Structure formats: C-alpha cells, structure tokens
Amino acid sequence: MAVKKLSPEKELFCCWYAVLGNAQEAALKAGFSADNALQEGIECLSSNACKKRIEKIRNVLSDSGSIISGLKRLAFGNCSDAVYLAFSEELPPPDVISKLDLFNVSELKRQRSGVVEIKFFDRLKALEKLYELENSFSDKNKAEDLINALTQPQGADEFEDI
C-alpha cells in the first residue's frame, strides 16, 4: 500500500497542528484562507494521512500532547503581535487581526479614551506547570536541568569547580 503524499499546505498544517493543537490557527498559519480555515482544518484532521503525520511529528517533538504544547507557548511565546495591536492608532482590518498570534493574551481592553490594556498569562506559572509535568515523567533530571539552566546566572557554571 502506497503512502499518500500530502500537499505542502497540508504538511504545514500538520506541523502547526502538532505544536498548536488548534485546527483553525494551524490552517491559517499553513496558508489556508481565513474565510474557510476552520473548515479546511477539520477536513485535514479527518484525513488518515494527516492524522498519521501529526502523530509522527508529535512523537519527534516528544510532547505528551497539547497541554505541554500550550504551556510551552505561554512560557516561551512571542508577544510582539499584542504590542503591535496595542500601539496601532486604529483597529487593523479583520484579515490582519485574524493572522495575529494572541495566544499569550489573557485579556484585552480598549477604553473610550483610546487607552489599551493588555494582560498576559503568567509565564512563570506556565514554567512551574511545565516543571511539575516534566517531574511526573520518568526522566526527572531533565526538568531539574531545565530549571537550573533557566535560573542559573549566565556563565556561572564555568567557574563552579574553582
């Protein structure tokens, strides 16, 4: 039985879905149009070829699922799109807004005076949860090494033996 070759868009969708766990967002990032991104994402997810590819990508990334992926996005994600939105003089058009990555935003308010207030999810709490999850796996040293690397001053390990 021959393995079905995925189109470049579907291959990108699988990669993004394996990391994001959100069909519409993955479809947008893969290049599908905003008008039918959710529908295209659902169609991809119903394909056995896509399901197998997503599973293979997740195994390569060694994530235990979308919870860890989401926590990693909260802990290490980029917030430049939220800053762009906050400092825009006028509200960008819907097609621009639909492409913004606002995953780290927990709350967004624009007051009548024009002041924009953005609240982000707590990165340290996400790191703590990642640490707890990593410790629950069999390789407990992996999480300790991560926390030590993140909390140790840069270059401090070079002089430890002196």
C-alpha atoms as a PDB file:
ATOM      1  CA  MET A   1       0.000   0.000   0.000  1.00  0.00           C
ATOM      2  CA  ALA A   2       1.478   3.339  -1.078  1.00  0.00           C
ATOM      3  CA  VAL A   3       1.829   6.182   1.397  1.00  0.00           C
ATOM      4  CA  LYS A   4      -0.246   9.186   0.372  1.00  0.00           C
ATOM      5  CA  LYS A   5       1.866  12.291  -0.216  1.00  0.00           C
ATOM      6  CA  LEU A   6       0.465  15.399   1.473  1.00  0.00           C
ATOM      7  CA  SER A   7       0.335  18.756  -0.283  1.00  0.00           C
ATOM      8  CA  PRO A   8       2.731  21.399   1.071  1.00  0.00           C
ATOM      9  CA  GLU A   9      -0.202  23.243   2.716  1.00  0.00           C
ATOM     10  CA  LYS A  10      -1.425  20.077   4.438  1.00  0.00           C
ATOM     11  CA  GLU A  11       2.110  19.192   5.529  1.00  0.00           C
ATOM     12  CA  LEU A  12       2.444  22.667   7.079  1.00  0.00           C
ATOM     13  CA  PHE A  13      -0.965  22.262   8.678  1.00  0.00           C
ATOM     14  CA  CYS A  14       0.158  19.007  10.309  1.00  0.00           C
ATOM     15  CA  CYS A  15       3.310  20.657  11.657  1.00  0.00           C
ATOM     16  CA  TRP A  16       1.412  23.627  13.064  1.00  0.00           C
ATOM     17  CA  TYR A  17      -1.375  21.464  14.479  1.00  0.00           C
ATOM     18  CA  ALA A  18       1.124  19.211  16.246  1.00  0.00           C
ATOM     19  CA  VAL A  19       2.518  22.277  18.015  1.00  0.00           C
ATOM     20  CA  LEU A  20      -0.599  24.432  18.472  1.00  0.00           C
ATOM     21  CA  GLY A  21      -3.387  21.902  18.898  1.00  0.00           C
ATOM     22  CA  ASN A  22      -5.862  24.313  17.238  1.00  0.00           C
ATOM     23  CA  ALA A  23      -7.252  23.435  13.796  1.00  0.00           C
ATOM     24  CA  GLN A  24      -8.219  26.951  12.708  1.00  0.00           C
ATOM     25  CA  GLU A  25      -4.997  28.572  13.849  1.00  0.00           C
ATOM     26  CA  ALA A  26      -2.899  25.819  12.259  1.00  0.00           C
ATOM     27  CA  ALA A  27      -4.797  26.198   8.980  1.00  0.00           C
ATOM     28  CA  LEU A  28      -4.223  29.959   8.970  1.00  0.00           C
ATOM     29  CA  LYS A  29      -0.518  29.533   9.620  1.00  0.00           C
ATOM     30  CA  ALA A  30      -0.349  26.885   6.887  1.00  0.00           C
ATOM     31  CA  GLY A  31      -1.674  29.383   4.347  1.00  0.00           C
ATOM     32  CA  PHE A  32      -5.351  28.477   4.068  1.00  0.00           C
ATOM     33  CA  SER A  33      -7.680  31.456   3.625  1.00  0.00           C
ATOM     34  CA  ALA A  34      -9.214  32.997   6.739  1.00  0.00           C
ATOM     35  CA  ASP A  35     -12.704  32.525   5.277  1.00  0.00           C
ATOM     36  CA  ASN A  36     -12.544  28.736   5.380  1.00  0.00           C
ATOM     37  CA  ALA A  37      -9.593  27.988   7.698  1.00  0.00           C
ATOM     38  CA  LEU A  38     -11.685  26.148  10.278  1.00  0.00           C
ATOM     39  CA  GLN A  39     -13.391  24.007   7.646  1.00  0.00           C
ATOM     40  CA  GLU A  40     -10.056  23.195   5.948  1.00  0.00           C
ATOM     41  CA  GLY A  41      -8.512  22.364   9.321  1.00  0.00           C
ATOM     42  CA  ILE A  42     -11.337  19.986  10.184  1.00  0.00           C
ATOM     43  CA  GLU A  43     -11.049  18.324   6.767  1.00  0.00           C
ATOM     44  CA  CYS A  44      -7.318  17.845   7.315  1.00  0.00           C
ATOM     45  CA  LEU A  45      -7.952  16.330  10.744  1.00  0.00           C
ATOM     46  CA  SER A  46     -10.436  13.865   9.261  1.00  0.00           C
ATOM     47  CA  SER A  47      -7.785  12.604   6.833  1.00  0.00           C
ATOM     48  CA  ASN A  48      -5.939   9.462   7.943  1.00  0.00           C
ATOM     49  CA  ALA A  49      -2.770  10.677   6.226  1.00  0.00           C
ATOM     50  CA  CYS A  50      -2.840  13.919   8.243  1.00  0.00           C
ATOM     51  CA  LYS A  51      -3.616  12.088  11.485  1.00  0.00           C
ATOM     52  CA  LYS A  52      -0.619   9.802  10.979  1.00  0.00           C
ATOM     53  CA  ARG A  53       1.640  12.733  10.082  1.00  0.00           C
ATOM     54  CA  ILE A  54       0.552  14.708  13.184  1.00  0.00           C
ATOM     55  CA  GLU A  55       1.172  11.684  15.390  1.00  0.00           C
ATOM     56  CA  LYS A  56       4.628  11.210  13.852  1.00  0.00           C
ATOM     57  CA  ILE A  57       5.516  14.894  14.347  1.00  0.00           C
ATOM     58  CA  ARG A  58       4.355  14.812  17.984  1.00  0.00           C
ATOM     59  CA  ASN A  59       6.490  11.727  18.579  1.00  0.00           C
ATOM     60  CA  VAL A  60       9.502  13.504  17.104  1.00  0.00           C
ATOM     61  CA  LEU A  61       8.852  16.540  19.279  1.00  0.00           C
ATOM     62  CA  SER A  62       8.382  14.164  22.236  1.00  0.00           C
ATOM     63  CA  ASP A  63       5.464  16.182  23.554  1.00  0.00           C
ATOM     64  CA  SER A  64       2.866  14.360  25.559  1.00  0.00           C
ATOM     65  CA  GLY A  65       0.106  16.346  23.947  1.00  0.00           C
ATOM     66  CA  SER A  66      -1.469  19.714  23.566  1.00  0.00           C
ATOM     67  CA  ILE A  67      -1.208  20.623  27.271  1.00  0.00           C
ATOM     68  CA  ILE A  68       2.571  20.695  27.159  1.00  0.00           C
ATOM     69  CA  SER A  69       2.486  22.469  23.787  1.00  0.00           C
ATOM     70  CA  GLY A  70       0.184  25.137  25.199  1.00  0.00           C
ATOM     71  CA  LEU A  71       2.307  25.607  28.311  1.00  0.00           C
ATOM     72  CA  LYS A  72       5.428  25.955  26.167  1.00  0.00           C
ATOM     73  CA  ARG A  73       3.700  28.593  24.049  1.00  0.00           C
ATOM     74  CA  LEU A  74       2.686  30.508  27.188  1.00  0.00           C
ATOM     75  CA  ALA A  75       6.147  30.234  28.743  1.00  0.00           C
ATOM     76  CA  PHE A  76       8.255  30.976  25.673  1.00  0.00           C
ATOM     77  CA  GLY A  77       5.819  32.576  23.222  1.00  0.00           C
ATOM     78  CA  ASN A  78       6.235  35.855  21.427  1.00  0.00           C
ATOM     79  CA  CYS A  79       4.056  38.829  22.378  1.00  0.00           C
ATOM     80  CA  SER A  80       5.044  41.192  19.557  1.00  0.00           C
ATOM     81  CA  ASP A  81       1.639  40.893  17.840  1.00  0.00           C
ATOM     82  CA  ALA A  82      -0.117  42.056  21.026  1.00  0.00           C
ATOM     83  CA  VAL A  83       2.265  45.006  21.284  1.00  0.00           C
ATOM     84  CA  TYR A  84       1.582  45.846  17.614  1.00  0.00           C
ATOM     85  CA  LEU A  85      -2.155  45.796  18.312  1.00  0.00           C
ATOM     86  CA  ALA A  86      -1.806  47.958  21.424  1.00  0.00           C
ATOM     87  CA  PHE A  87       0.187  50.647  19.649  1.00  0.00           C
ATOM     88  CA  SER A  88      -1.911  50.756  16.471  1.00  0.00           C
ATOM     89  CA  GLU A  89      -3.567  54.138  16.029  1.00  0.00           C
ATOM     90  CA  GLU A  90      -6.641  52.491  14.517  1.00  0.00           C
ATOM     91  CA  LEU A  91      -8.001  48.981  14.780  1.00  0.00           C
ATOM     92  CA  PRO A  92      -6.417  46.885  11.998  1.00  0.00           C
ATOM     93  CA  PRO A  93      -8.729  45.253   9.446  1.00  0.00           C
ATOM     94  CA  PRO A  94     -10.184  41.820  10.318  1.00  0.00           C
ATOM     95  CA  ASP A  95      -7.907  39.956   7.880  1.00  0.00           C
ATOM     96  CA  VAL A  96      -4.845  41.387   9.686  1.00  0.00           C
ATOM     97  CA  ILE A  97      -6.272  40.668  13.154  1.00  0.00           C
ATOM     98  CA  SER A  98      -7.045  37.051  12.197  1.00  0.00           C
ATOM     99  CA  LYS A  99      -3.336  36.470  11.477  1.00  0.00           C
ATOM    100  CA  LEU A 100      -2.089  37.885  14.799  1.00  0.00           C
ATOM    101  CA  ASP A 101      -0.757  35.460  17.398  1.00  0.00           C
ATOM    102  CA  LEU A 102      -2.535  36.491  20.598  1.00  0.00           C
ATOM    103  CA  PHE A 103      -2.202  33.144  22.386  1.00  0.00           C
ATOM    104  CA  ASN A 104      -0.375  34.716  25.369  1.00  0.00           C
ATOM    105  CA  VAL A 105      -3.077  37.376  25.876  1.00  0.00           C
ATOM    106  CA  SER A 106      -5.497  36.667  28.706  1.00  0.00           C
ATOM    107  CA  GLU A 107      -7.413  39.942  28.467  1.00  0.00           C
ATOM    108  CA  LEU A 108      -7.572  42.865  26.039  1.00  0.00           C
ATOM    109  CA  LYS A 109      -9.481  46.100  26.712  1.00  0.00           C
ATOM    110  CA  ARG A 110      -9.718  49.366  24.805  1.00  0.00           C
ATOM    111  CA  GLN A 111     -11.299  52.191  26.770  1.00  0.00           C
ATOM    112  CA  ARG A 112     -13.268  55.032  25.212  1.00  0.00           C
ATOM    113  CA  SER A 113     -10.331  57.343  25.837  1.00  0.00           C
ATOM    114  CA  GLY A 114      -8.249  55.170  23.496  1.00  0.00           C
ATOM    115  CA  VAL A 115      -6.130  53.597  26.226  1.00  0.00           C
ATOM    116  CA  VAL A 116      -5.415  49.928  25.558  1.00  0.00           C
ATOM    117  CA  GLU A 117      -4.893  47.488  28.424  1.00  0.00           C
ATOM    118  CA  ILE A 118      -3.396  44.075  27.713  1.00  0.00           C
ATOM    119  CA  LYS A 119      -2.994  41.343  30.296  1.00  0.00           C
ATOM    120  CA  PHE A 120      -0.785  38.366  29.516  1.00  0.00           C
ATOM    121  CA  PHE A 121      -0.816  34.901  31.022  1.00  0.00           C
ATOM    122  CA  ASP A 122       1.823  34.407  33.704  1.00  0.00           C
ATOM    123  CA  ARG A 123       4.979  32.932  32.138  1.00  0.00           C
ATOM    124  CA  LEU A 124       6.394  31.827  35.484  1.00  0.00           C
ATOM    125  CA  LYS A 125       3.244  29.871  36.328  1.00  0.00           C
ATOM    126  CA  ALA A 126       3.460  28.175  32.930  1.00  0.00           C
ATOM    127  CA  LEU A 127       7.102  27.287  33.638  1.00  0.00           C
ATOM    128  CA  GLU A 128       6.154  25.932  37.061  1.00  0.00           C
ATOM    129  CA  LYS A 129       3.457  23.730  35.499  1.00  0.00           C
ATOM    130  CA  LEU A 130       5.915  22.518  32.865  1.00  0.00           C
ATOM    131  CA  TYR A 131       8.355  21.691  35.644  1.00  0.00           C
ATOM    132  CA  GLU A 132       5.683  19.729  37.508  1.00  0.00           C
ATOM    133  CA  LEU A 133       4.713  17.808  34.381  1.00  0.00           C
ATOM    134  CA  GLU A 134       8.319  17.066  33.473  1.00  0.00           C
ATOM    135  CA  ASN A 135       8.948  15.797  37.003  1.00  0.00           C
ATOM    136  CA  SER A 136       5.978  13.462  36.726  1.00  0.00           C
ATOM    137  CA  PHE A 137       7.663  11.687  33.814  1.00  0.00           C
ATOM    138  CA  SER A 138      10.336   9.068  34.316  1.00  0.00           C
ATOM    139  CA  ASP A 139      13.230  11.357  33.347  1.00  0.00           C
ATOM    140  CA  LYS A 140      13.126  13.712  36.358  1.00  0.00           C
ATOM    141  CA  ASN A 141      16.635  15.079  35.818  1.00  0.00           C
ATOM    142  CA  LYS A 142      15.546  16.633  32.526  1.00  0.00           C
ATOM    143  CA  ALA A 143      13.211  19.106  34.268  1.00  0.00           C
ATOM    144  CA  GLU A 144      15.703  19.920  37.015  1.00  0.00           C
ATOM    145  CA  ASP A 145      18.351  20.675  34.406  1.00  0.00           C
ATOM    146  CA  LEU A 146      15.896  22.962  32.585  1.00  0.00           C
ATOM    147  CA  ILE A 147      15.009  24.913  35.728  1.00  0.00           C
ATOM    148  CA  ASN A 148      18.673  25.155  36.757  1.00  0.00           C
ATOM    149  CA  ALA A 149      19.632  26.388  33.306  1.00  0.00           C
ATOM    150  CA  LEU A 150      16.875  28.998  33.390  1.00  0.00           C
ATOM    151  CA  THR A 151      17.628  30.218  36.924  1.00  0.00           C
ATOM    152  CA  GLN A 152      21.438  29.996  37.000  1.00  0.00           C
ATOM    153  CA  PRO A 153      23.270  33.217  36.067  1.00  0.00           C
ATOM    154  CA  GLN A 154      24.816  33.066  32.622  1.00  0.00           C
ATOM    155  CA  GLY A 155      28.389  31.792  32.729  1.00  0.00           C
ATOM    156  CA  ALA A 156      28.160  30.707  36.401  1.00  0.00           C
ATOM    157  CA  ASP A 157      28.756  27.051  35.574  1.00  0.00           C
ATOM    158  CA  GLU A 158      32.141  27.852  34.028  1.00  0.00           C
ATOM    159  CA  PHE A 159      33.677  28.671  37.395  1.00  0.00           C
ATOM    160  CA  GLU A 160      31.944  26.111  39.598  1.00  0.00           C
ATOM    161  CA  ASP A 161      34.988  23.846  40.027  1.00  0.00           C
ATOM    162  CA  ILE A 162      37.384  26.621  41.005  1.00  0.00           C
END
